[in-house]
Structure formats: C-alpha cells, structure tokens
Amino acid sequence: MSTTLSADFTTLLNVPKLAVDGSNWLIFRFRLEIGVESKGVWGHFDGTSPSPANPPPSGDAAALTALNEWLKKEKEAHHYLAQKLEDSTLTELLHLTSITQMWTALSSNSTISNVQTMGMSECI
C-alpha cells in the first residue's frame, strides 16, 4: 500500500520550524512565504486581504459568503503558521486575534533576534 501526502502537507514540508531564538528567521520567512503564497493566503499574513464587514449587512448573501470564505482562509493561515512554530513561540502569540497581528509581532521579534545573532543590521 502506498502512502501519499496531501498537497497541504507537501507544500510546507520544506519549511523549517522557526527556532525559538529566531536564528533561522531568514530562511523560515522565505520558505513560509512561498508556501502560503501557493495556498493563496499570504494576503492574510501581510494584511493585503483584510476582513470583509463583520457582521455583513443584514440579508446580504454575497457579503455573508465573502466573509465565510475570508474566515476559512484566515483559519488556514493560522494552521500553516501554527504548525511551523515551537509551542513556546506560539503561546506568546495566542492573545493576538488575526494572522496579520501574529505575523507582525513574530516578524518584529524574529528579525531583531536574527540580526543580533548574525550581526547583520541591514536585515531590518
């Protein structure tokens, strides 16, 4: 019996978990961005796919459908990020409500840590 990996898993297979000290931030960020772009959710990370009106206007079926689709993609983005973070790092982000907020916080902390580790001020 052969085993096949789902496309969701294989797309992010080569993305390493982010080291707690952020020392692998540059390669983590690059690989994660490519992976989540291929899944169509990068806009949730960088904020270019903002939430539609929530709640949608009463009786507006199209707005409700758009919101539900956006929420589904937001949860997918959370899933992709959560599987690539150590528990201690993820725990620090749980108080944030959107993937954009999580990514912004993670980027700020990891970039600073990575620059200190590598001594490369031009990475900021």
C-alpha atoms as a PDB file:
ATOM      1  CA  MET A   1       0.000   0.000   0.000  1.00  0.00           C
ATOM      2  CA  SER A   2       1.455   3.365  -0.987  1.00  0.00           C
ATOM      3  CA  THR A   3       1.207   6.445   1.114  1.00  0.00           C
ATOM      4  CA  THR A   4       0.513   9.815  -0.434  1.00  0.00           C
ATOM      5  CA  LEU A   5       0.952  13.110   1.326  1.00  0.00           C
ATOM      6  CA  SER A   6      -1.746  15.732   0.969  1.00  0.00           C
ATOM      7  CA  ALA A   7      -0.886  18.810  -1.063  1.00  0.00           C
ATOM      8  CA  ASP A   8      -1.309  20.933   2.071  1.00  0.00           C
ATOM      9  CA  PHE A   9       1.409  18.976   3.829  1.00  0.00           C
ATOM     10  CA  THR A  10       3.900  18.707   0.989  1.00  0.00           C
ATOM     11  CA  THR A  11       3.749  22.411   0.106  1.00  0.00           C
ATOM     12  CA  LEU A  12       5.053  23.350   3.535  1.00  0.00           C
ATOM     13  CA  LEU A  13       7.194  20.255   4.087  1.00  0.00           C
ATOM     14  CA  ASN A  14      10.468  22.097   3.473  1.00  0.00           C
ATOM     15  CA  VAL A  15       9.605  24.986   5.764  1.00  0.00           C
ATOM     16  CA  PRO A  16      11.608  24.508   8.955  1.00  0.00           C
ATOM     17  CA  LYS A  17      10.091  25.286  12.324  1.00  0.00           C
ATOM     18  CA  LEU A  18      11.142  28.719  13.456  1.00  0.00           C
ATOM     19  CA  ALA A  19      13.880  28.384  16.062  1.00  0.00           C
ATOM     20  CA  VAL A  20      12.859  29.810  19.426  1.00  0.00           C
ATOM     21  CA  ASP A  21      15.806  32.206  19.263  1.00  0.00           C
ATOM     22  CA  GLY A  22      14.895  33.277  15.708  1.00  0.00           C
ATOM     23  CA  SER A  23      18.277  32.210  14.372  1.00  0.00           C
ATOM     24  CA  ASN A  24      16.747  30.689  11.212  1.00  0.00           C
ATOM     25  CA  TRP A  25      14.335  33.583  10.583  1.00  0.00           C
ATOM     26  CA  LEU A  26      15.552  34.489   7.084  1.00  0.00           C
ATOM     27  CA  ILE A  27      15.136  31.016   5.584  1.00  0.00           C
ATOM     28  CA  PHE A  28      11.968  30.336   7.611  1.00  0.00           C
ATOM     29  CA  ARG A  29      10.338  33.534   6.358  1.00  0.00           C
ATOM     30  CA  PHE A  30      11.350  32.930   2.746  1.00  0.00           C
ATOM     31  CA  ARG A  31      10.106  29.342   2.650  1.00  0.00           C
ATOM     32  CA  LEU A  32       6.915  30.044   4.590  1.00  0.00           C
ATOM     33  CA  GLU A  33       6.025  32.979   2.343  1.00  0.00           C
ATOM     34  CA  ILE A  34       6.457  30.855  -0.778  1.00  0.00           C
ATOM     35  CA  GLY A  35       4.381  28.052   0.746  1.00  0.00           C
ATOM     36  CA  VAL A  36       1.492  30.186   1.915  1.00  0.00           C
ATOM     37  CA  GLU A  37       1.508  32.207  -1.312  1.00  0.00           C
ATOM     38  CA  SER A  38       0.944  28.947  -3.172  1.00  0.00           C
ATOM     39  CA  LYS A  39      -2.053  28.337  -0.898  1.00  0.00           C
ATOM     40  CA  GLY A  40      -3.500  31.769  -1.605  1.00  0.00           C
ATOM     41  CA  VAL A  41      -3.341  33.055   1.970  1.00  0.00           C
ATOM     42  CA  TRP A  42      -0.257  35.320   2.024  1.00  0.00           C
ATOM     43  CA  GLY A  43      -2.555  38.365   1.992  1.00  0.00           C
ATOM     44  CA  HIS A  44      -3.780  37.331   5.424  1.00  0.00           C
ATOM     45  CA  PHE A  45      -0.197  37.441   6.713  1.00  0.00           C
ATOM     46  CA  ASP A  46       0.805  40.790   5.216  1.00  0.00           C
ATOM     47  CA  GLY A  47      -2.587  42.462   5.674  1.00  0.00           C
ATOM     48  CA  THR A  48      -3.452  42.899   1.998  1.00  0.00           C
ATOM     49  CA  SER A  49      -6.543  40.677   2.411  1.00  0.00           C
ATOM     50  CA  PRO A  50      -8.447  42.497   5.149  1.00  0.00           C
ATOM     51  CA  SER A  51     -11.632  41.080   6.632  1.00  0.00           C
ATOM     52  CA  PRO A  52     -14.878  41.990   4.916  1.00  0.00           C
ATOM     53  CA  ALA A  53     -17.539  43.666   7.060  1.00  0.00           C
ATOM     54  CA  ASN A  54     -18.209  41.506  10.111  1.00  0.00           C
ATOM     55  CA  PRO A  55     -21.084  41.070  10.597  1.00  0.00           C
ATOM     56  CA  PRO A  56     -22.121  41.543   6.980  1.00  0.00           C
ATOM     57  CA  PRO A  57     -25.088  43.762   6.151  1.00  0.00           C
ATOM     58  CA  SER A  58     -28.329  42.028   7.082  1.00  0.00           C
ATOM     59  CA  GLY A  59     -29.747  39.967   4.239  1.00  0.00           C
ATOM     60  CA  ASP A  60     -26.679  40.353   2.019  1.00  0.00           C
ATOM     61  CA  ALA A  61     -25.981  36.765   0.976  1.00  0.00           C
ATOM     62  CA  ALA A  62     -22.958  37.704  -1.140  1.00  0.00           C
ATOM     63  CA  ALA A  63     -21.383  39.588   1.778  1.00  0.00           C
ATOM     64  CA  LEU A  64     -22.017  36.630   4.089  1.00  0.00           C
ATOM     65  CA  THR A  65     -20.416  34.263   1.574  1.00  0.00           C
ATOM     66  CA  ALA A  66     -17.407  36.588   1.213  1.00  0.00           C
ATOM     67  CA  LEU A  67     -16.997  36.769   4.994  1.00  0.00           C
ATOM     68  CA  ASN A  68     -17.229  32.992   5.375  1.00  0.00           C
ATOM     69  CA  GLU A  69     -14.630  32.473   2.640  1.00  0.00           C
ATOM     70  CA  TRP A  70     -12.334  35.022   4.261  1.00  0.00           C
ATOM     71  CA  LEU A  71     -12.726  33.370   7.681  1.00  0.00           C
ATOM     72  CA  LYS A  72     -11.903  29.977   6.139  1.00  0.00           C
ATOM     73  CA  LYS A  73      -8.709  31.373   4.580  1.00  0.00           C
ATOM     74  CA  GLU A  74      -7.816  33.101   7.869  1.00  0.00           C
ATOM     75  CA  LYS A  75      -8.081  29.751   9.703  1.00  0.00           C
ATOM     76  CA  GLU A  76      -5.955  28.103   7.004  1.00  0.00           C
ATOM     77  CA  ALA A  77      -3.318  30.791   7.516  1.00  0.00           C
ATOM     78  CA  HIS A  78      -3.395  30.201  11.291  1.00  0.00           C
ATOM     79  CA  HIS A  79      -2.983  26.474  10.670  1.00  0.00           C
ATOM     80  CA  TYR A  80       0.016  26.918   8.387  1.00  0.00           C
ATOM     81  CA  LEU A  81       1.791  29.219  10.823  1.00  0.00           C
ATOM     82  CA  ALA A  82       0.971  27.208  13.956  1.00  0.00           C
ATOM     83  CA  GLN A  83       2.482  24.020  12.563  1.00  0.00           C
ATOM     84  CA  LYS A  84       5.797  25.799  11.945  1.00  0.00           C
ATOM     85  CA  LEU A  85       6.249  27.344  15.405  1.00  0.00           C
ATOM     86  CA  GLU A  86       7.505  25.805  18.606  1.00  0.00           C
ATOM     87  CA  ASP A  87       4.860  25.681  21.343  1.00  0.00           C
ATOM     88  CA  SER A  88       6.597  28.349  23.413  1.00  0.00           C
ATOM     89  CA  THR A  89       6.652  30.762  20.471  1.00  0.00           C
ATOM     90  CA  LEU A  90       3.044  30.067  19.525  1.00  0.00           C
ATOM     91  CA  THR A  91       1.909  30.571  23.115  1.00  0.00           C
ATOM     92  CA  GLU A  92       3.350  34.092  23.054  1.00  0.00           C
ATOM     93  CA  LEU A  93       1.119  34.930  20.062  1.00  0.00           C
ATOM     94  CA  LEU A  94      -2.183  33.411  21.199  1.00  0.00           C
ATOM     95  CA  HIS A  95      -3.535  36.691  22.589  1.00  0.00           C
ATOM     96  CA  LEU A  96      -3.471  38.199  19.087  1.00  0.00           C
ATOM     97  CA  THR A  97      -6.674  37.781  17.093  1.00  0.00           C
ATOM     98  CA  SER A  98      -5.575  37.887  13.456  1.00  0.00           C
ATOM     99  CA  ILE A  99      -2.837  36.199  11.497  1.00  0.00           C
ATOM    100  CA  THR A 100      -1.680  39.671  10.383  1.00  0.00           C
ATOM    101  CA  GLN A 101      -1.155  40.680  14.020  1.00  0.00           C
ATOM    102  CA  MET A 102       0.653  37.414  14.749  1.00  0.00           C
ATOM    103  CA  TRP A 103       2.908  37.769  11.711  1.00  0.00           C
ATOM    104  CA  THR A 104       3.730  41.392  12.517  1.00  0.00           C
ATOM    105  CA  ALA A 105       4.685  40.513  16.094  1.00  0.00           C
ATOM    106  CA  LEU A 106       6.667  37.477  15.000  1.00  0.00           C
ATOM    107  CA  SER A 107       8.455  39.425  12.259  1.00  0.00           C
ATOM    108  CA  SER A 108       9.474  42.197  14.634  1.00  0.00           C
ATOM    109  CA  ASN A 109      10.793  39.841  17.303  1.00  0.00           C
ATOM    110  CA  SER A 110      12.465  37.380  14.944  1.00  0.00           C
ATOM    111  CA  THR A 111      14.091  39.976  12.729  1.00  0.00           C
ATOM    112  CA  ILE A 112      15.664  41.695  15.720  1.00  0.00           C
ATOM    113  CA  SER A 113      16.831  38.366  17.140  1.00  0.00           C
ATOM    114  CA  ASN A 114      18.192  37.228  13.787  1.00  0.00           C
ATOM    115  CA  VAL A 115      20.104  40.463  13.279  1.00  0.00           C
ATOM    116  CA  GLN A 116      21.662  40.136  16.717  1.00  0.00           C
ATOM    117  CA  THR A 117      22.584  36.520  16.018  1.00  0.00           C
ATOM    118  CA  MET A 118      24.061  37.188  12.582  1.00  0.00           C
ATOM    119  CA  GLY A 119      25.351  40.717  13.174  1.00  0.00           C
ATOM    120  CA  MET A 120      23.652  41.940  10.019  1.00  0.00           C
ATOM    121  CA  SER A 121      21.933  45.277  10.661  1.00  0.00           C
ATOM    122  CA  GLU A 122      20.898  45.515   7.008  1.00  0.00           C
ATOM    123  CA  CYS A 123      18.339  42.709   7.556  1.00  0.00           C
ATOM    124  CA  ILE A 124      15.997  45.067   9.399  1.00  0.00           C
END
